[in-house]
Amino acid sequence: MCPVLLALMCPVVNGSALLPLHDAAVDLHPIMLLPGNGCSQLDAELTEHYEPSPWAPLRVVYDRAVTDYRNIARVWTHVVSFGTTRGFGSDDDPSDPESLRVSQQAEALGRISYKEGENLFGAPYDSRYVAAPPGMPAMAFAACTADLRCLVEHASRKNGGKPVILVTHSKGAHGIVVAMQSLAASAYAAPGSLARTERSYGTVFAALPSPNVFGGAPLVVTRRRNYSAHNISEFLVVVGFSGEEVKLYRTRVLPVNSGLRAPCVPMTAVYGAGVPTPEQLVYWDGDFSKAPEVVYGNGDGAVNLVSVLAWNTVVGHDLEQGFFKAVKGFGQSRLLIF
């Protein structure tokens, strides 16, 4: 069995949140950091035949022959510095929030005797890919899960067989929960643009609301009709996604989101609340190319409280889960500890 102790979800911005993990009289458990979406660095190897757009090499395509996502032709990619925290954030912009968050986490852990490569590890991943339902291939995600397992086992062996603490946040939390089980903008995106590139990723639909959580509540409102989590497929059509893209959402993403279950390892979830968070989008005239009127509810500013509290049902009510605790933090606190 994979030697995982527990996992925590939310950005750590100073050492105070980590100090309780350390007791001078107790040996430290190894910690592994898993970043949020878009925080991992990727290297791309290109042939002389590739599109000139700076974002084109990062596009992925859905290959009908193998029913899976892959890089575009003549492009090879890999994550940077897997196993360390050096592959997180942006080398070009040290002020990038994700870069700062990871460096602050590493510094805080260093103050309580954690050392890179000894009891502190990092697991960057290619956030363009997500899991697929059972029986459908997801080779990139499967490879990431296999690498993660090997790294956890290595970290445990290096620390005398101690279980490993996985620390993640944001979309990284969804990915690690799925891994532990085995883990709409404008209607037009210009060819070669970052928006068009991101629309090709397997993750483009991963954060869409689950019908199991949001039910029939109106999430998008127009004069003619409303759209709930049950109508996501119809909404994707009207904002410009193709029939094939909508089919990929229905057959690959929706079953994974709807089938999300407890990871069955001890888990603590730290969540934020009390910050105005988007709850409903109003396009009264039905023009989805314009910015919507936003109706705000409760949450951490990015993730709605309804989504966060769903962990209580999905994980806390699962009889096979064992230990689970949800702790209210402050502001943008989204952390899972396994």
Protein backbone atom coordinates (compact mmCIF):
# COMPACT_ATOMS: atom_id res chain seq x y z
CA MET A 1 0.00 0.00 0.00
CA CYS A 2 1.25 3.51 -0.82
CA PRO A 3 2.72 4.98 2.42
CA VAL A 4 0.67 8.18 2.68
CA LEU A 5 -0.15 9.67 6.06
CA LEU A 6 -2.56 12.50 5.29
CA ALA A 7 -3.10 15.45 2.92
CA LEU A 8 -3.83 19.19 3.37
CA MET A 9 -5.43 21.72 0.96
CA CYS A 10 -4.81 25.54 0.97
CA PRO A 11 -1.96 27.95 0.24
CA VAL A 12 0.43 28.35 3.16
CA VAL A 13 1.74 31.91 3.23
CA ASN A 14 3.82 31.82 6.39
CA GLY A 15 5.35 29.36 8.81
CA SER A 16 2.67 29.68 11.47
CA ALA A 17 0.35 27.21 9.75
CA LEU A 18 3.10 24.60 9.72
CA LEU A 19 4.59 24.98 13.19
CA PRO A 20 2.10 22.57 14.84
CA LEU A 21 3.42 19.83 12.55
CA HIS A 22 6.80 19.93 14.32
CA ASP A 23 7.74 18.74 17.76
CA ALA A 24 11.41 18.69 18.69
CA ALA A 25 10.90 15.38 20.45
CA VAL A 26 9.35 13.71 17.41
CA ASP A 27 11.01 12.86 14.11
CA LEU A 28 9.58 14.77 11.17
CA HIS A 29 7.50 12.94 8.61
CA PRO A 30 8.58 13.60 5.01
CA ILE A 31 6.46 16.20 3.20
CA MET A 32 5.66 16.32 -0.51
CA LEU A 33 4.32 19.52 -2.11
CA LEU A 34 1.90 19.27 -5.03
CA PRO A 35 1.08 22.60 -6.71
CA GLY A 36 -2.16 24.04 -7.96
CA ASN A 37 -3.15 24.26 -11.61
CA GLY A 38 -0.58 25.97 -13.84
CA CYS A 39 2.14 26.12 -11.17
CA SER A 40 4.36 23.37 -12.61
CA GLN A 41 7.03 24.25 -15.15
CA LEU A 42 7.09 22.38 -18.47
CA ASP A 43 9.93 21.93 -20.94
CA ALA A 44 8.90 21.58 -24.59
CA GLU A 45 11.14 20.05 -27.23
CA LEU A 46 10.24 21.21 -30.74
CA THR A 47 11.25 20.12 -34.21
CA GLU A 48 11.77 22.66 -36.98
CA HIS A 49 8.12 22.13 -37.97
CA TYR A 50 5.91 23.84 -35.43
CA GLU A 51 3.50 26.72 -35.45
CA PRO A 52 5.07 30.14 -34.79
CA SER A 53 2.64 31.14 -32.02
CA PRO A 54 4.41 31.14 -28.63
CA TRP A 55 1.52 29.16 -27.10
CA ALA A 56 1.00 26.65 -29.94
CA PRO A 57 3.54 24.07 -28.65
CA LEU A 58 1.55 23.75 -25.42
CA ARG A 59 -1.70 22.81 -27.14
CA VAL A 60 -3.01 19.30 -26.82
CA VAL A 61 -5.28 17.42 -29.20
CA TYR A 62 -7.78 14.63 -28.69
CA ASP A 63 -6.61 11.62 -30.71
CA ARG A 64 -9.65 9.62 -31.82
CA ALA A 65 -7.47 6.64 -32.75
CA VAL A 66 -6.39 6.11 -29.14
CA THR A 67 -9.32 7.99 -27.51
CA ASP A 68 -6.96 10.09 -25.42
CA TYR A 69 -5.32 13.52 -25.29
CA ARG A 70 -1.74 14.05 -26.48
CA ASN A 71 0.68 16.79 -27.53
CA ILE A 72 0.41 18.22 -31.03
CA ALA A 73 2.61 16.50 -33.60
CA ARG A 74 6.38 16.97 -33.35
CA VAL A 75 6.26 18.37 -29.81
CA TRP A 76 7.55 16.56 -26.70
CA THR A 77 7.03 17.89 -23.19
CA HIS A 78 8.09 16.95 -19.69
CA VAL A 79 7.83 18.50 -16.24
CA VAL A 80 10.89 20.25 -14.80
CA SER A 81 12.75 18.92 -11.76
CA PHE A 82 10.26 16.26 -10.69
CA GLY A 83 10.92 15.23 -7.10
CA THR A 84 12.03 18.73 -6.04
CA THR A 85 10.36 22.09 -5.42
CA ARG A 86 12.50 23.74 -8.11
CA GLY A 87 10.00 22.96 -10.85
CA PHE A 88 7.25 25.18 -9.43
CA GLY A 89 6.30 28.73 -10.32
CA SER A 90 7.91 30.91 -12.98
CA ASP A 91 11.60 31.54 -13.58
CA ASP A 92 10.68 34.56 -15.70
CA ASP A 93 8.55 36.25 -13.04
CA PRO A 94 9.60 35.62 -9.42
CA SER A 95 6.71 37.84 -8.28
CA ASP A 96 4.22 35.39 -9.76
CA PRO A 97 1.76 34.46 -6.96
CA GLU A 98 2.29 30.73 -7.44
CA SER A 99 6.10 31.18 -7.35
CA LEU A 100 5.82 33.20 -4.15
CA ARG A 101 3.45 30.70 -2.57
CA VAL A 102 5.75 27.74 -3.18
CA SER A 103 8.88 29.60 -2.08
CA GLN A 104 7.09 30.70 1.11
CA GLN A 105 6.01 27.11 1.77
CA ALA A 106 9.55 25.81 1.28
CA GLU A 107 11.05 28.57 3.46
CA ALA A 108 8.51 27.93 6.23
CA LEU A 109 9.26 24.22 6.16
CA GLY A 110 13.00 24.94 6.18
CA ARG A 111 12.59 26.84 9.44
CA ILE A 112 11.32 23.66 11.10
CA SER A 113 14.20 21.50 9.84
CA TYR A 114 12.87 20.30 6.49
CA LYS A 115 15.56 19.90 3.81
CA GLU A 116 15.12 19.57 0.04
CA GLY A 117 15.76 16.01 -1.13
CA GLU A 118 15.91 14.60 2.40
CA ASN A 119 12.49 15.05 3.93
CA LEU A 120 11.04 17.69 1.58
CA PHE A 121 10.01 16.77 -1.96
CA GLY A 122 7.99 18.26 -4.80
CA ALA A 123 5.76 16.66 -7.41
CA PRO A 124 5.20 19.05 -10.33
CA TYR A 125 2.84 17.68 -12.96
CA ASP A 126 1.48 18.49 -16.42
CA SER A 127 -1.76 20.28 -15.53
CA ARG A 128 -3.05 20.07 -19.11
CA TYR A 129 -4.20 16.50 -18.47
CA VAL A 130 -6.79 14.98 -16.14
CA ALA A 131 -8.09 11.53 -15.24
CA ALA A 132 -10.60 9.61 -17.34
CA PRO A 133 -13.45 7.31 -16.25
CA PRO A 134 -12.62 3.62 -15.67
CA GLY A 135 -12.03 1.80 -18.95
CA MET A 136 -10.96 4.94 -20.84
CA PRO A 137 -7.27 5.75 -21.43
CA ALA A 138 -5.61 8.73 -19.78
CA MET A 139 -1.96 7.89 -20.38
CA ALA A 140 -0.45 11.19 -19.22
CA PHE A 141 -2.44 11.18 -15.98
CA ALA A 142 -1.66 7.50 -15.39
CA ALA A 143 2.06 8.19 -15.88
CA CYS A 144 1.85 11.11 -13.42
CA THR A 145 0.11 8.89 -10.86
CA ALA A 146 2.76 6.19 -11.28
CA ASP A 147 5.58 8.74 -10.86
CA LEU A 148 3.86 10.13 -7.77
CA ARG A 149 3.59 6.68 -6.21
CA CYS A 150 7.28 5.97 -6.88
CA LEU A 151 8.25 9.32 -5.34
CA VAL A 152 6.12 8.69 -2.24
CA GLU A 153 7.70 5.28 -1.79
CA HIS A 154 11.20 6.76 -2.28
CA ALA A 155 10.52 9.53 0.26
CA SER A 156 9.20 6.99 2.75
CA ARG A 157 12.18 4.65 2.35
CA LYS A 158 14.61 7.57 2.67
CA ASN A 159 12.98 8.47 5.99
CA GLY A 160 12.95 5.08 7.65
CA GLY A 161 9.59 3.95 6.33
CA LYS A 162 7.62 6.88 7.74
CA PRO A 163 4.36 7.71 5.97
CA VAL A 164 4.53 10.77 3.70
CA ILE A 165 2.44 13.92 4.13
CA LEU A 166 1.10 15.26 0.82
CA VAL A 167 0.39 19.01 0.82
CA THR A 168 -1.62 20.42 -2.07
CA HIS A 169 -4.07 23.19 -2.90
CA SER A 170 -6.59 24.39 -5.47
CA LYS A 171 -6.96 22.08 -8.50
CA GLY A 172 -4.04 20.00 -7.33
CA ALA A 173 -6.34 18.76 -4.57
CA HIS A 174 -8.86 17.35 -7.05
CA GLY A 175 -6.11 15.58 -8.95
CA ILE A 176 -4.55 13.99 -5.88
CA VAL A 177 -7.91 12.77 -4.57
CA VAL A 178 -8.57 11.03 -7.89
CA ALA A 179 -5.03 9.65 -7.89
CA MET A 180 -5.50 8.40 -4.34
CA GLN A 181 -8.57 6.47 -5.48
CA SER A 182 -6.54 4.46 -8.07
CA LEU A 183 -7.53 11.51 -9.10
CA ALA A 184 -16.65 29.72 -19.93
CA ALA A 185 -15.04 32.46 -21.19
CA SER A 186 -15.79 34.16 -24.52
CA ALA A 187 -17.36 32.07 -27.25
CA TYR A 188 -14.47 32.93 -29.52
CA ALA A 189 -10.79 32.26 -28.96
CA ALA A 190 -8.40 33.41 -31.66
CA PRO A 191 -6.23 30.70 -33.30
CA GLY A 192 -2.76 30.68 -31.76
CA SER A 193 -3.90 32.60 -28.67
CA LEU A 194 -3.34 31.47 -25.09
CA ALA A 195 -7.12 31.15 -24.71
CA ARG A 196 -7.35 28.78 -27.67
CA THR A 197 -4.37 26.81 -26.37
CA GLU A 198 -5.90 26.44 -22.91
CA ARG A 199 -9.20 25.36 -24.45
CA SER A 200 -7.41 22.33 -25.88
CA TYR A 201 -6.34 21.05 -22.44
CA GLY A 202 -8.04 18.08 -20.83
CA THR A 203 -8.45 20.31 -17.75
CA VAL A 204 -10.63 22.86 -19.53
CA PHE A 205 -13.82 21.26 -18.13
CA ALA A 206 -12.41 19.88 -14.87
CA ALA A 207 -13.61 22.76 -12.67
CA LEU A 208 -17.16 22.87 -14.02
CA PRO A 209 -19.80 22.46 -11.29
CA SER A 210 -20.92 18.94 -10.52
CA PRO A 211 -24.65 18.16 -10.72
CA ASN A 212 -24.21 16.09 -7.56
CA VAL A 213 -23.28 19.24 -5.64
CA PHE A 214 -25.10 22.13 -7.32
CA GLY A 215 -28.19 20.28 -8.53
CA GLY A 216 -30.74 22.45 -10.34
CA ALA A 217 -29.67 25.82 -8.89
CA PRO A 218 -29.36 28.44 -11.67
CA LEU A 219 -25.67 29.19 -12.22
CA VAL A 220 -25.97 31.12 -15.49
CA VAL A 221 -28.98 33.38 -16.02
CA THR A 222 -30.27 34.88 -19.27
CA ARG A 223 -33.56 36.51 -20.25
CA ARG A 224 -34.65 33.43 -22.20
CA ARG A 225 -33.46 30.61 -19.95
CA ASN A 226 -31.25 29.61 -17.03
CA TYR A 227 -28.49 27.00 -16.93
CA SER A 228 -27.81 24.76 -13.94
CA ALA A 229 -25.14 22.12 -13.41
CA HIS A 230 -27.53 19.70 -15.13
CA ASN A 231 -27.45 21.86 -18.31
CA ILE A 232 -23.69 22.28 -18.68
CA SER A 233 -23.61 20.44 -22.03
CA GLU A 234 -26.21 22.82 -23.48
CA PHE A 235 -24.38 25.85 -22.07
CA LEU A 236 -21.09 24.73 -23.64
CA VAL A 237 -22.79 24.59 -27.04
CA VAL A 238 -24.18 28.13 -26.83
CA VAL A 239 -20.80 29.59 -25.80
CA GLY A 240 -19.09 28.09 -28.81
CA PHE A 241 -17.73 24.66 -27.95
CA SER A 242 -17.99 22.08 -30.71
CA GLY A 243 -20.11 18.94 -30.56
CA GLU A 244 -16.97 16.84 -30.18
CA GLU A 245 -15.72 18.99 -27.29
CA VAL A 246 -19.07 18.69 -25.53
CA LYS A 247 -18.99 14.93 -26.03
CA LEU A 248 -15.56 14.81 -24.37
CA TYR A 249 -17.01 16.70 -21.40
CA ARG A 250 -19.94 14.26 -21.12
CA THR A 251 -17.91 11.07 -21.58
CA ARG A 252 -14.59 11.89 -19.86
CA VAL A 253 -14.95 14.74 -17.36
CA LEU A 254 -18.50 14.46 -16.03
CA PRO A 255 -18.16 10.78 -14.97
CA VAL A 256 -14.94 11.57 -13.07
CA ASN A 257 -16.42 14.59 -11.28
CA SER A 258 -19.66 12.78 -10.50
CA GLY A 259 -17.80 9.69 -9.30
CA LEU A 260 -15.39 11.51 -6.98
CA ARG A 261 -15.02 9.53 -3.74
CA ALA A 262 -13.11 9.64 -0.49
CA PRO A 263 -9.36 8.92 -0.82
CA CYS A 264 -9.55 6.45 2.11
CA VAL A 265 -6.44 7.87 3.79
CA PRO A 266 -6.57 10.29 6.77
CA MET A 267 -7.50 13.74 5.45
CA THR A 268 -7.77 17.29 6.76
CA ALA A 269 -9.36 20.05 4.65
CA VAL A 270 -8.72 23.70 5.50
CA TYR A 271 -11.11 26.04 3.71
CA GLY A 272 -11.70 29.76 3.53
CA ALA A 273 -14.97 31.63 3.88
CA GLY A 274 -16.32 35.13 4.38
CA VAL A 275 -14.98 36.50 1.09
CA PRO A 276 -17.36 37.50 -1.76
CA THR A 277 -17.12 34.68 -4.29
CA PRO A 278 -18.85 34.33 -7.69
CA GLU A 279 -22.02 32.28 -7.36
CA GLN A 280 -24.04 33.16 -10.43
CA LEU A 281 -23.33 34.75 -13.83
CA VAL A 282 -25.99 36.91 -15.48
CA TYR A 283 -25.93 37.42 -19.27
CA TRP A 284 -29.36 39.02 -19.41
CA ASP A 285 -29.25 39.77 -23.15
CA GLY A 286 -27.74 36.38 -23.95
CA ASP A 287 -24.52 37.90 -25.32
CA PHE A 288 -21.80 35.61 -23.99
CA SER A 289 -19.03 37.62 -25.64
CA LYS A 290 -19.51 40.37 -23.04
CA ALA A 291 -18.50 40.31 -19.40
CA PRO A 292 -21.37 39.04 -17.22
CA GLU A 293 -22.95 40.64 -14.20
CA VAL A 294 -21.66 38.60 -11.27
CA VAL A 295 -23.80 37.64 -8.30
CA TYR A 296 -21.58 36.94 -5.30
CA GLY A 297 -22.03 34.43 -2.51
CA ASN A 298 -19.81 33.06 0.25
CA GLY A 299 -16.44 31.42 -0.25
CA ASP A 300 -12.72 32.19 -0.30
CA GLY A 301 -12.84 34.58 -3.25
CA ALA A 302 -12.18 31.88 -5.83
CA VAL A 303 -13.94 28.68 -4.73
CA ASN A 304 -17.60 28.79 -3.71
CA LEU A 305 -18.38 27.53 -0.21
CA VAL A 306 -20.88 25.03 -1.64
CA SER A 307 -18.01 23.30 -3.46
CA VAL A 308 -15.78 23.22 -0.41
CA LEU A 309 -18.43 21.91 1.98
CA ALA A 310 -19.20 19.09 -0.45
CA TRP A 311 -16.09 17.43 1.00
CA ASN A 312 -18.12 16.85 4.16
CA THR A 313 -20.54 14.71 2.17
CA VAL A 314 -18.16 13.06 -0.29
CA VAL A 315 -15.45 12.29 2.23
CA GLY A 316 -16.89 12.74 5.71
CA HIS A 317 -19.94 10.52 5.11
CA ASP A 318 -17.98 7.70 3.44
CA LEU A 319 -17.88 4.78 5.86
CA GLU A 320 -14.53 3.61 4.42
CA GLN A 321 -12.78 6.96 4.92
CA GLY A 322 -11.73 6.84 8.56
CA PHE A 323 -10.28 10.14 9.82
CA PHE A 324 -11.57 13.31 8.16
CA LYS A 325 -11.74 16.85 9.49
CA ALA A 326 -12.80 20.12 7.83
CA VAL A 327 -11.33 23.25 9.42
CA LYS A 328 -12.47 26.78 8.62
CA GLY A 329 -9.50 29.00 7.84
CA PHE A 330 -9.48 32.56 6.59
CA GLY A 331 -9.54 34.25 3.19
CA GLN A 332 -8.16 32.14 0.39
CA SER A 333 -7.45 29.02 2.42
CA ARG A 334 -7.72 25.86 0.36
CA LEU A 335 -5.50 23.08 1.60
CA LEU A 336 -5.76 19.32 1.72
CA ILE A 337 -3.45 17.23 3.86
CA PHE A 338 -3.26 13.47 3.26
